[in-house]
Amino acid sequence: MTVKLAVLFYSTYGTNHRMAEIAAEAGREAGAEVRLLRIAETAPESVIAGQEAWKAQVERAGQIPAATPADMEWANAYLFSAPTRFGQAPSQVRAFIDTLGGLWSQGKLADKAASAMTSAQNAHGGQEATILGLYTTFLHWGAVIVAPGYTDPAIYRTGGNPYGYSHTQGAEFDEAARASISHQAARLVAMAGRLSA
């Protein structure tokens, strides 16, 4: 069975958008059918308009389809990429998750492989807490968490986060960063394939 990977991202300034693009490319290279999906913006337009970088990102991501519950039903693997907000996923991500109650109650999110990535302004800004918070939600779904662990040297070269890739905002997406994201996405695809066999 083909792995159907939904790479879902929310990005205020573009960091998680780029992470999701790298992951989507790696997912395709690993043999998955991939949907790159943005999580819809919920902040008031007046607030967004007051920050040029935020406004530019909304415009940049505007051509990417917004994630829907139908995408979640379609996929048999999920990779979420979202920034850290005080050690949690941002409200936009939580709002999307809140639309999934119908699928959850029917068991349509269960037994699917799931993983997460994040970013923050500094290296100790709550990234692990954000990923673990998303994993708590995935556990409620009955999804199977696929963390990168220490399964590839790329993990060590980017700080050694076994829960999921985390990026410091403003840092370059160098070869090590791309390798770590790509490994996590490829591992997710491989494990989803095993679950679907």
C-alpha atoms as a PDB file:
ATOM      1  CA  MET A   1       0.000   0.000   0.000  1.00  0.00           C
ATOM      2  CA  THR A   2       1.286   3.460  -0.872  1.00  0.00           C
ATOM      3  CA  VAL A   3       2.105   5.708   2.052  1.00  0.00           C
ATOM      4  CA  LYS A   4      -0.014   8.845   1.898  1.00  0.00           C
ATOM      5  CA  LEU A   5       1.827  11.520   3.855  1.00  0.00           C
ATOM      6  CA  ALA A   6       0.229  14.769   4.969  1.00  0.00           C
ATOM      7  CA  VAL A   7       2.870  17.354   5.866  1.00  0.00           C
ATOM      8  CA  LEU A   8       0.994  20.027   7.780  1.00  0.00           C
ATOM      9  CA  PHE A   9       2.591  23.286   8.835  1.00  0.00           C
ATOM     10  CA  TYR A  10       1.789  26.550  10.496  1.00  0.00           C
ATOM     11  CA  SER A  11       4.401  29.261  10.035  1.00  0.00           C
ATOM     12  CA  THR A  12       4.375  32.878  11.160  1.00  0.00           C
ATOM     13  CA  TYR A  13       7.615  33.996   9.534  1.00  0.00           C
ATOM     14  CA  GLY A  14       8.506  31.112   7.203  1.00  0.00           C
ATOM     15  CA  THR A  15      10.712  28.810   9.288  1.00  0.00           C
ATOM     16  CA  ASN A  16       8.222  25.951   9.619  1.00  0.00           C
ATOM     17  CA  HIS A  17       7.086  26.468   6.036  1.00  0.00           C
ATOM     18  CA  ARG A  18      10.646  25.758   4.892  1.00  0.00           C
ATOM     19  CA  MET A  19      10.938  22.774   7.232  1.00  0.00           C
ATOM     20  CA  ALA A  20       7.724  21.355   5.791  1.00  0.00           C
ATOM     21  CA  GLU A  21       8.958  21.819   2.222  1.00  0.00           C
ATOM     22  CA  ILE A  22      12.147  19.899   3.017  1.00  0.00           C
ATOM     23  CA  ALA A  23      10.136  17.133   4.694  1.00  0.00           C
ATOM     24  CA  ALA A  24       7.665  16.912   1.803  1.00  0.00           C
ATOM     25  CA  GLU A  25      10.504  16.539  -0.694  1.00  0.00           C
ATOM     26  CA  ALA A  26      12.109  13.819   1.438  1.00  0.00           C
ATOM     27  CA  GLY A  27       8.759  12.052   1.754  1.00  0.00           C
ATOM     28  CA  ARG A  28       8.381  11.957  -2.019  1.00  0.00           C
ATOM     29  CA  GLU A  29      11.935  10.673  -2.403  1.00  0.00           C
ATOM     30  CA  ALA A  30      11.071   7.913   0.086  1.00  0.00           C
ATOM     31  CA  GLY A  31       8.189   6.831  -2.158  1.00  0.00           C
ATOM     32  CA  ALA A  32       5.197   8.459  -0.466  1.00  0.00           C
ATOM     33  CA  GLU A  33       2.344  10.326  -2.069  1.00  0.00           C
ATOM     34  CA  VAL A  34       2.618  13.692  -0.323  1.00  0.00           C
ATOM     35  CA  ARG A  35       0.262  16.567   0.366  1.00  0.00           C
ATOM     36  CA  LEU A  36       1.942  19.746   1.612  1.00  0.00           C
ATOM     37  CA  LEU A  37      -0.731  21.594   3.582  1.00  0.00           C
ATOM     38  CA  ARG A  38      -0.827  24.844   5.535  1.00  0.00           C
ATOM     39  CA  ILE A  39      -2.783  25.168   8.716  1.00  0.00           C
ATOM     40  CA  ALA A  40      -5.092  28.141   8.287  1.00  0.00           C
ATOM     41  CA  GLU A  41      -4.313  31.479   9.871  1.00  0.00           C
ATOM     42  CA  THR A  42      -6.742  32.562  12.564  1.00  0.00           C
ATOM     43  CA  ALA A  43      -5.147  35.815  13.755  1.00  0.00           C
ATOM     44  CA  PRO A  44      -7.009  39.023  12.842  1.00  0.00           C
ATOM     45  CA  GLU A  45      -5.897  40.592   9.551  1.00  0.00           C
ATOM     46  CA  SER A  46      -5.280  43.879  11.367  1.00  0.00           C
ATOM     47  CA  VAL A  47      -2.703  42.200  13.623  1.00  0.00           C
ATOM     48  CA  ILE A  48      -0.982  40.446  10.709  1.00  0.00           C
ATOM     49  CA  ALA A  49      -0.863  43.663   8.688  1.00  0.00           C
ATOM     50  CA  GLY A  50       1.089  45.328  11.497  1.00  0.00           C
ATOM     51  CA  GLN A  51       4.065  42.970  11.031  1.00  0.00           C
ATOM     52  CA  GLU A  52       5.605  42.948   7.568  1.00  0.00           C
ATOM     53  CA  ALA A  53       7.320  39.557   7.967  1.00  0.00           C
ATOM     54  CA  TRP A  54       4.098  37.908   9.129  1.00  0.00           C
ATOM     55  CA  LYS A  55       2.096  39.503   6.337  1.00  0.00           C
ATOM     56  CA  ALA A  56       4.679  38.356   3.776  1.00  0.00           C
ATOM     57  CA  GLN A  57       4.498  34.763   5.043  1.00  0.00           C
ATOM     58  CA  VAL A  58       0.688  34.708   4.826  1.00  0.00           C
ATOM     59  CA  GLU A  59       0.981  35.831   1.210  1.00  0.00           C
ATOM     60  CA  ARG A  60       3.788  33.330   0.472  1.00  0.00           C
ATOM     61  CA  ALA A  61       1.793  30.389   1.834  1.00  0.00           C
ATOM     62  CA  GLY A  62      -1.483  31.497   0.270  1.00  0.00           C
ATOM     63  CA  GLN A  63      -1.111  29.245  -2.767  1.00  0.00           C
ATOM     64  CA  ILE A  64      -0.718  26.117  -0.634  1.00  0.00           C
ATOM     65  CA  PRO A  65      -3.976  24.297   0.149  1.00  0.00           C
ATOM     66  CA  ALA A  66      -5.301  24.677   3.682  1.00  0.00           C
ATOM     67  CA  ALA A  67      -5.451  21.443   5.662  1.00  0.00           C
ATOM     68  CA  THR A  68      -8.914  19.936   6.161  1.00  0.00           C
ATOM     69  CA  PRO A  69     -10.304  16.947   8.048  1.00  0.00           C
ATOM     70  CA  ALA A  70     -10.625  15.239   4.650  1.00  0.00           C
ATOM     71  CA  ASP A  71      -6.833  15.425   4.252  1.00  0.00           C
ATOM     72  CA  MET A  72      -6.422  13.772   7.642  1.00  0.00           C
ATOM     73  CA  GLU A  73      -8.774  10.968   6.645  1.00  0.00           C
ATOM     74  CA  TRP A  74      -6.903  10.524   3.341  1.00  0.00           C
ATOM     75  CA  ALA A  75      -3.443  10.273   4.899  1.00  0.00           C
ATOM     76  CA  ASN A  76      -1.953   7.284   6.657  1.00  0.00           C
ATOM     77  CA  ALA A  77       1.005   9.319   7.938  1.00  0.00           C
ATOM     78  CA  TYR A  78       1.157  12.791   9.480  1.00  0.00           C
ATOM     79  CA  LEU A  79       4.076  15.150   9.950  1.00  0.00           C
ATOM     80  CA  PHE A  80       3.254  18.374  11.785  1.00  0.00           C
ATOM     81  CA  SER A  81       5.630  21.351  11.734  1.00  0.00           C
ATOM     82  CA  ALA A  82       4.710  24.232  14.025  1.00  0.00           C
ATOM     83  CA  PRO A  83       6.490  26.948  15.973  1.00  0.00           C
ATOM     84  CA  THR A  84       6.743  27.025  19.740  1.00  0.00           C
ATOM     85  CA  ARG A  85       4.547  29.468  21.639  1.00  0.00           C
ATOM     86  CA  PHE A  86       5.468  29.471  25.322  1.00  0.00           C
ATOM     87  CA  GLY A  87       6.222  25.743  25.179  1.00  0.00           C
ATOM     88  CA  GLN A  88       3.064  24.855  23.242  1.00  0.00           C
ATOM     89  CA  ALA A  89       1.884  24.613  19.657  1.00  0.00           C
ATOM     90  CA  PRO A  90       0.305  27.911  18.552  1.00  0.00           C
ATOM     91  CA  SER A  91      -3.427  28.517  18.749  1.00  0.00           C
ATOM     92  CA  GLN A  92      -3.799  28.111  14.983  1.00  0.00           C
ATOM     93  CA  VAL A  93      -2.630  24.491  15.247  1.00  0.00           C
ATOM     94  CA  ARG A  94      -4.859  23.795  18.225  1.00  0.00           C
ATOM     95  CA  ALA A  95      -7.827  25.308  16.365  1.00  0.00           C
ATOM     96  CA  PHE A  96      -7.229  22.920  13.460  1.00  0.00           C
ATOM     97  CA  ILE A  97      -6.915  19.958  15.816  1.00  0.00           C
ATOM     98  CA  ASP A  98     -10.236  20.970  17.361  1.00  0.00           C
ATOM     99  CA  THR A  99     -11.926  20.383  13.978  1.00  0.00           C
ATOM    100  CA  LEU A 100     -10.925  16.713  14.047  1.00  0.00           C
ATOM    101  CA  GLY A 101     -13.283  15.490  16.771  1.00  0.00           C
ATOM    102  CA  GLY A 102     -15.609  13.842  14.281  1.00  0.00           C
ATOM    103  CA  LEU A 103     -12.814  11.818  12.712  1.00  0.00           C
ATOM    104  CA  TRP A 104     -11.359  10.955  16.107  1.00  0.00           C
ATOM    105  CA  SER A 105     -14.712   9.710  17.432  1.00  0.00           C
ATOM    106  CA  GLN A 106     -14.987   7.360  14.438  1.00  0.00           C
ATOM    107  CA  GLY A 107     -11.447   6.030  14.913  1.00  0.00           C
ATOM    108  CA  LYS A 108     -10.289   7.504  11.608  1.00  0.00           C
ATOM    109  CA  LEU A 109      -7.093   8.993  13.064  1.00  0.00           C
ATOM    110  CA  ALA A 110      -6.043   5.762  14.780  1.00  0.00           C
ATOM    111  CA  ASP A 111      -3.269   3.394  13.731  1.00  0.00           C
ATOM    112  CA  LYS A 112      -1.576   6.014  11.556  1.00  0.00           C
ATOM    113  CA  ALA A 113       2.067   7.051  11.873  1.00  0.00           C
ATOM    114  CA  ALA A 114       2.640  10.558  13.221  1.00  0.00           C
ATOM    115  CA  SER A 115       5.631  12.772  13.923  1.00  0.00           C
ATOM    116  CA  ALA A 116       6.299  16.431  14.698  1.00  0.00           C
ATOM    117  CA  MET A 117       8.881  19.198  14.280  1.00  0.00           C
ATOM    118  CA  THR A 118       9.119  22.694  15.707  1.00  0.00           C
ATOM    119  CA  SER A 119      11.142  25.887  15.973  1.00  0.00           C
ATOM    120  CA  ALA A 120      11.697  28.645  18.494  1.00  0.00           C
ATOM    121  CA  GLN A 121      13.560  31.923  18.763  1.00  0.00           C
ATOM    122  CA  ASN A 122      16.362  30.334  20.787  1.00  0.00           C
ATOM    123  CA  ALA A 123      17.788  26.887  21.367  1.00  0.00           C
ATOM    124  CA  HIS A 124      16.047  26.395  24.718  1.00  0.00           C
ATOM    125  CA  GLY A 125      12.727  28.032  23.979  1.00  0.00           C
ATOM    126  CA  GLY A 126      10.424  25.108  24.682  1.00  0.00           C
ATOM    127  CA  GLN A 127      10.844  23.039  21.529  1.00  0.00           C
ATOM    128  CA  GLU A 128      10.767  19.647  23.240  1.00  0.00           C
ATOM    129  CA  ALA A 129       7.677  20.624  25.238  1.00  0.00           C
ATOM    130  CA  THR A 130       5.910  21.647  22.023  1.00  0.00           C
ATOM    131  CA  ILE A 131       6.688  18.353  20.296  1.00  0.00           C
ATOM    132  CA  LEU A 132       5.703  16.310  23.342  1.00  0.00           C
ATOM    133  CA  GLY A 133       2.448  18.270  23.573  1.00  0.00           C
ATOM    134  CA  LEU A 134       1.624  17.351  19.992  1.00  0.00           C
ATOM    135  CA  TYR A 135       2.520  13.741  20.739  1.00  0.00           C
ATOM    136  CA  THR A 136       0.047  13.763  23.642  1.00  0.00           C
ATOM    137  CA  THR A 137      -2.663  14.699  21.143  1.00  0.00           C
ATOM    138  CA  PHE A 138      -1.531  11.968  18.755  1.00  0.00           C
ATOM    139  CA  LEU A 139      -1.762   9.447  21.605  1.00  0.00           C
ATOM    140  CA  HIS A 140      -5.376  10.451  22.169  1.00  0.00           C
ATOM    141  CA  TRP A 141      -6.024   9.772  18.494  1.00  0.00           C
ATOM    142  CA  GLY A 142      -4.538   6.292  18.790  1.00  0.00           C
ATOM    143  CA  ALA A 143      -1.838   7.230  16.279  1.00  0.00           C
ATOM    144  CA  VAL A 144       1.581   5.571  16.367  1.00  0.00           C
ATOM    145  CA  ILE A 145       4.300   8.088  17.204  1.00  0.00           C
ATOM    146  CA  VAL A 146       7.390   7.862  15.016  1.00  0.00           C
ATOM    147  CA  ALA A 147      10.125   9.985  16.564  1.00  0.00           C
ATOM    148  CA  PRO A 148      13.574  10.145  14.971  1.00  0.00           C
ATOM    149  CA  GLY A 149      15.281   8.937  18.142  1.00  0.00           C
ATOM    150  CA  TYR A 150      19.023   8.581  17.673  1.00  0.00           C
ATOM    151  CA  THR A 151      18.671   6.512  14.520  1.00  0.00           C
ATOM    152  CA  ASP A 152      20.954   8.559  12.274  1.00  0.00           C
ATOM    153  CA  PRO A 153      24.121  10.641  12.754  1.00  0.00           C
ATOM    154  CA  ALA A 154      22.232  13.641  11.349  1.00  0.00           C
ATOM    155  CA  ILE A 155      20.326  13.882  14.643  1.00  0.00           C
ATOM    156  CA  TYR A 156      23.534  14.555  16.564  1.00  0.00           C
ATOM    157  CA  ARG A 157      24.731  17.169  14.095  1.00  0.00           C
ATOM    158  CA  THR A 158      21.633  19.283  14.739  1.00  0.00           C
ATOM    159  CA  GLY A 159      21.606  19.217  18.530  1.00  0.00           C
ATOM    160  CA  GLY A 160      20.529  15.671  19.297  1.00  0.00           C
ATOM    161  CA  ASN A 161      16.765  16.084  19.748  1.00  0.00           C
ATOM    162  CA  PRO A 162      15.325  12.541  19.676  1.00  0.00           C
ATOM    163  CA  TYR A 163      11.710  13.758  19.789  1.00  0.00           C
ATOM    164  CA  GLY A 164      11.696  15.584  16.467  1.00  0.00           C
ATOM    165  CA  TYR A 165      13.688  18.137  14.548  1.00  0.00           C
ATOM    166  CA  SER A 166      13.799  21.605  16.108  1.00  0.00           C
ATOM    167  CA  HIS A 167      15.164  24.718  14.436  1.00  0.00           C
ATOM    168  CA  THR A 168      16.352  28.001  15.875  1.00  0.00           C
ATOM    169  CA  GLN A 169      14.589  30.821  14.068  1.00  0.00           C
ATOM    170  CA  GLY A 170      16.924  32.745  11.800  1.00  0.00           C
ATOM    171  CA  ALA A 171      19.497  29.954  11.565  1.00  0.00           C
ATOM    172  CA  GLU A 172      20.445  28.757   8.105  1.00  0.00           C
ATOM    173  CA  PHE A 173      18.934  25.575   6.711  1.00  0.00           C
ATOM    174  CA  ASP A 174      22.342  24.060   6.095  1.00  0.00           C
ATOM    175  CA  GLU A 175      23.141  20.535   4.965  1.00  0.00           C
ATOM    176  CA  ALA A 176      22.926  19.176   8.528  1.00  0.00           C
ATOM    177  CA  ALA A 177      19.464  20.686   9.078  1.00  0.00           C
ATOM    178  CA  ARG A 178      18.169  19.370   5.770  1.00  0.00           C
ATOM    179  CA  ALA A 179      19.616  15.917   6.507  1.00  0.00           C
ATOM    180  CA  SER A 180      17.968  15.760   9.928  1.00  0.00           C
ATOM    181  CA  ILE A 181      14.551  16.827   8.612  1.00  0.00           C
ATOM    182  CA  SER A 182      14.864  14.446   5.664  1.00  0.00           C
ATOM    183  CA  HIS A 183      15.781  11.540   7.917  1.00  0.00           C
ATOM    184  CA  GLN A 184      12.751  12.156  10.142  1.00  0.00           C
ATOM    185  CA  ALA A 185      10.421  12.298   7.132  1.00  0.00           C
ATOM    186  CA  ALA A 186      11.915   9.192   5.517  1.00  0.00           C
ATOM    187  CA  ARG A 187      11.730   7.261   8.791  1.00  0.00           C
ATOM    188  CA  LEU A 188       8.075   8.260   9.128  1.00  0.00           C
ATOM    189  CA  VAL A 189       7.333   7.020   5.619  1.00  0.00           C
ATOM    190  CA  ALA A 190       9.139   3.734   6.261  1.00  0.00           C
ATOM    191  CA  MET A 191       7.268   3.091   9.504  1.00  0.00           C
ATOM    192  CA  ALA A 192       3.928   4.086   7.940  1.00  0.00           C
ATOM    193  CA  GLY A 193       4.620   1.555   5.200  1.00  0.00           C
ATOM    194  CA  ARG A 194       5.121  -1.168   7.801  1.00  0.00           C
ATOM    195  CA  LEU A 195       1.901  -0.238   9.575  1.00  0.00           C
ATOM    196  CA  SER A 196      -0.018  -0.291   6.303  1.00  0.00           C
ATOM    197  CA  ALA A 197       1.391  -3.597   5.055  1.00  0.00           C
END
